[in-house]
């Protein structure tokens, strides 16, 4: 990989391999790619052999995205934001922001947005974390409780 500026620093990455038996629109799609999340909220698909940026999407400016994971391996990714802790003054006053984090979900080839889910404390009371795996939204609570929700049902609603 060529040297890059701090704004292009990679925060997290996943290796993507071409699905077997699929007909793909571009010859470069048949080669391994690195799906990378940069420090400034860019989602990139980079050729694993040449380092060339094949696709590039800007996620958002309202939060800091930090983590990548497979929802459906080699097909759908979840991009998770850092948790919103609020300001130190707000925490001392006993208030916290209503949105804990965001999950942005994308199909990989070509990059296409499935949706962005806001994990809101008003909806998911006492929520401490959330993630997406195999079409299931997994929500963790301060009491140790874990609840599972169908992501497809959420999208349809």
Protein backbone atom coordinates (compact mmCIF):
# COMPACT_ATOMS: atom_id res chain seq x y z
CA UNK A 1 0.00 0.00 0.00
CA UNK A 2 1.30 3.47 -0.80
CA UNK A 3 1.87 5.99 2.00
CA UNK A 4 -1.18 8.02 2.88
CA UNK A 5 -2.06 11.13 4.85
CA UNK A 6 -3.52 11.02 8.38
CA UNK A 7 -7.00 11.67 6.96
CA UNK A 8 -6.67 8.46 4.94
CA UNK A 9 -5.37 6.40 7.90
CA UNK A 10 -7.13 3.03 7.98
CA UNK A 11 -9.12 2.47 11.19
CA UNK A 12 -10.39 -1.05 10.37
CA UNK A 13 -10.41 -3.40 7.39
CA UNK A 14 -11.86 -6.64 6.07
CA UNK A 15 -10.58 -8.90 3.30
CA UNK A 16 -13.12 -9.52 0.54
CA UNK A 17 -12.84 -12.48 -1.84
CA UNK A 18 -14.77 -12.86 -5.10
CA UNK A 19 -17.88 -15.04 -4.74
CA UNK A 20 -17.52 -18.35 -6.60
CA UNK A 21 -19.75 -18.76 -9.64
CA UNK A 22 -21.02 -15.17 -9.76
CA UNK A 23 -20.84 -13.12 -12.95
CA UNK A 24 -19.44 -9.73 -12.00
CA UNK A 25 -19.63 -6.45 -13.96
CA UNK A 26 -15.95 -5.45 -13.79
CA UNK A 27 -12.83 -7.62 -14.28
CA UNK A 28 -11.28 -6.04 -11.14
CA UNK A 29 -14.17 -7.52 -9.12
CA UNK A 30 -12.69 -11.02 -9.54
CA UNK A 31 -9.62 -10.12 -7.47
CA UNK A 32 -9.29 -9.92 -3.70
CA UNK A 33 -10.03 -6.53 -2.17
CA UNK A 34 -9.49 -4.87 1.13
CA UNK A 35 -12.56 -3.09 2.46
CA UNK A 36 -11.18 -0.29 4.57
CA UNK A 37 -12.61 2.38 6.84
CA UNK A 38 -10.52 5.55 7.05
CA UNK A 39 -10.08 7.95 9.96
CA UNK A 40 -12.24 10.51 8.15
CA UNK A 41 -15.25 8.22 7.52
CA UNK A 42 -14.44 7.03 4.00
CA UNK A 43 -15.35 3.46 3.13
CA UNK A 44 -12.96 2.15 0.48
CA UNK A 45 -12.64 -1.00 -1.60
CA UNK A 46 -8.94 -1.34 -2.41
CA UNK A 47 -7.34 -3.88 -4.72
CA UNK A 48 -5.36 -6.29 -2.52
CA UNK A 49 -2.76 -6.77 -5.26
CA UNK A 50 -2.20 -3.22 -6.58
CA UNK A 51 -3.43 -0.94 -3.77
CA UNK A 52 -5.66 0.92 -6.27
CA UNK A 53 -8.88 2.35 -4.81
CA UNK A 54 -11.72 0.64 -6.70
CA UNK A 55 -14.68 2.23 -4.90
CA UNK A 56 -15.00 5.04 -2.40
CA UNK A 57 -17.99 6.22 -0.32
CA UNK A 58 -18.18 9.01 2.26
CA UNK A 59 -20.22 7.79 5.22
CA UNK A 60 -21.26 10.84 7.28
CA UNK A 61 -20.03 13.84 9.20
CA UNK A 62 -22.36 13.58 12.22
CA UNK A 63 -20.50 10.69 13.88
CA UNK A 64 -17.16 8.86 13.85
CA UNK A 65 -17.32 5.44 12.24
CA UNK A 66 -14.70 3.10 13.61
CA UNK A 67 -15.45 -0.64 13.17
CA UNK A 68 -16.17 -3.00 10.27
CA UNK A 69 -17.71 -6.48 10.51
CA UNK A 70 -19.39 -8.94 8.20
CA UNK A 71 -23.16 -9.16 8.55
CA UNK A 72 -23.33 -11.78 5.80
CA UNK A 73 -19.78 -13.01 5.04
CA UNK A 74 -18.42 -11.71 1.72
CA UNK A 75 -21.75 -10.01 0.89
CA UNK A 76 -22.95 -7.47 3.47
CA UNK A 77 -20.90 -5.37 5.91
CA UNK A 78 -21.84 -3.44 9.02
CA UNK A 79 -19.96 -0.23 9.75
CA UNK A 80 -20.26 0.72 13.41
CA UNK A 81 -19.68 4.15 14.87
CA UNK A 82 -17.85 4.90 18.09
CA UNK A 83 -20.18 5.21 21.06
CA UNK A 84 -21.50 8.71 21.68
CA UNK A 85 -20.57 9.47 25.29
CA UNK A 86 -21.51 13.15 25.18
CA UNK A 87 -19.46 15.99 26.61
CA UNK A 88 -17.77 15.81 30.03
CA UNK A 89 -20.03 18.62 31.30
CA UNK A 90 -23.16 16.75 30.18
CA UNK A 91 -21.95 13.54 31.88
CA UNK A 92 -21.29 15.45 35.14
CA UNK A 93 -24.80 16.90 34.93
CA UNK A 94 -26.15 13.35 34.59
CA UNK A 95 -27.39 13.72 31.03
CA UNK A 96 -26.33 11.69 28.05
CA UNK A 97 -27.10 11.97 24.34
CA UNK A 98 -30.04 9.87 23.17
CA UNK A 99 -28.11 8.19 20.33
CA UNK A 100 -25.55 5.65 21.57
CA UNK A 101 -24.18 4.66 18.15
CA UNK A 102 -24.95 4.18 14.46
CA UNK A 103 -24.78 1.07 12.28
CA UNK A 104 -24.42 1.63 8.53
CA UNK A 105 -25.11 -1.49 6.47
CA UNK A 106 -23.79 -1.95 2.91
CA UNK A 107 -23.86 -4.59 0.21
CA UNK A 108 -20.27 -5.03 -0.94
CA UNK A 109 -20.37 -5.40 -4.70
CA UNK A 110 -20.96 -2.76 -5.83
CA UNK A 111 -21.11 -0.74 -2.61
CA UNK A 112 -24.76 0.04 -2.01
CA UNK A 113 -26.38 1.31 1.17
CA UNK A 114 -28.93 -1.01 2.80
CA UNK A 115 -29.59 1.44 5.62
CA UNK A 116 -28.27 3.35 8.61
CA UNK A 117 -29.68 2.33 11.96
CA UNK A 118 -29.59 4.69 14.91
CA UNK A 119 -29.24 2.88 18.25
CA UNK A 120 -31.26 5.30 20.37
CA UNK A 121 -31.55 5.05 24.16
CA UNK A 122 -35.17 6.23 23.96
CA UNK A 123 -36.00 3.15 21.86
CA UNK A 124 -33.55 0.66 23.42
CA UNK A 125 -33.58 1.72 27.09
CA UNK A 126 -30.36 1.06 29.08
CA UNK A 127 -28.57 -0.12 25.92
CA UNK A 128 -24.79 -0.45 26.26
CA UNK A 129 -23.83 -1.80 22.83
CA UNK A 130 -25.22 -3.21 19.59
CA UNK A 131 -23.94 -5.10 16.57
CA UNK A 132 -25.24 -6.85 13.48
CA UNK A 133 -24.51 -10.44 12.45
CA UNK A 134 -26.19 -12.75 9.94
CA UNK A 135 -29.24 -10.48 9.65
CA UNK A 136 -29.73 -10.27 13.42
CA UNK A 137 -29.44 -7.01 15.35
CA UNK A 138 -27.88 -7.92 18.69
CA UNK A 139 -28.54 -5.36 21.44
CA UNK A 140 -26.78 -5.55 24.82
CA UNK A 141 -28.13 -3.94 27.99
CA UNK A 142 -26.57 -2.75 31.25
CA UNK A 143 -28.43 -5.50 33.16
CA UNK A 144 -26.57 -8.16 31.16
CA UNK A 145 -29.64 -8.87 29.02
CA UNK A 146 -29.13 -9.45 25.29
CA UNK A 147 -32.00 -9.06 22.83
CA UNK A 148 -32.06 -10.23 19.23
CA UNK A 149 -34.05 -8.49 16.48
CA UNK A 150 -34.55 -9.34 12.81
CA UNK A 151 -32.75 -6.66 10.81
CA UNK A 152 -34.96 -7.45 7.79
CA UNK A 153 -38.10 -6.76 9.88
CA UNK A 154 -36.59 -3.45 11.03
CA UNK A 155 -35.83 -2.45 7.42
CA UNK A 156 -39.38 -3.30 6.34
CA UNK A 157 -40.88 -1.19 9.14
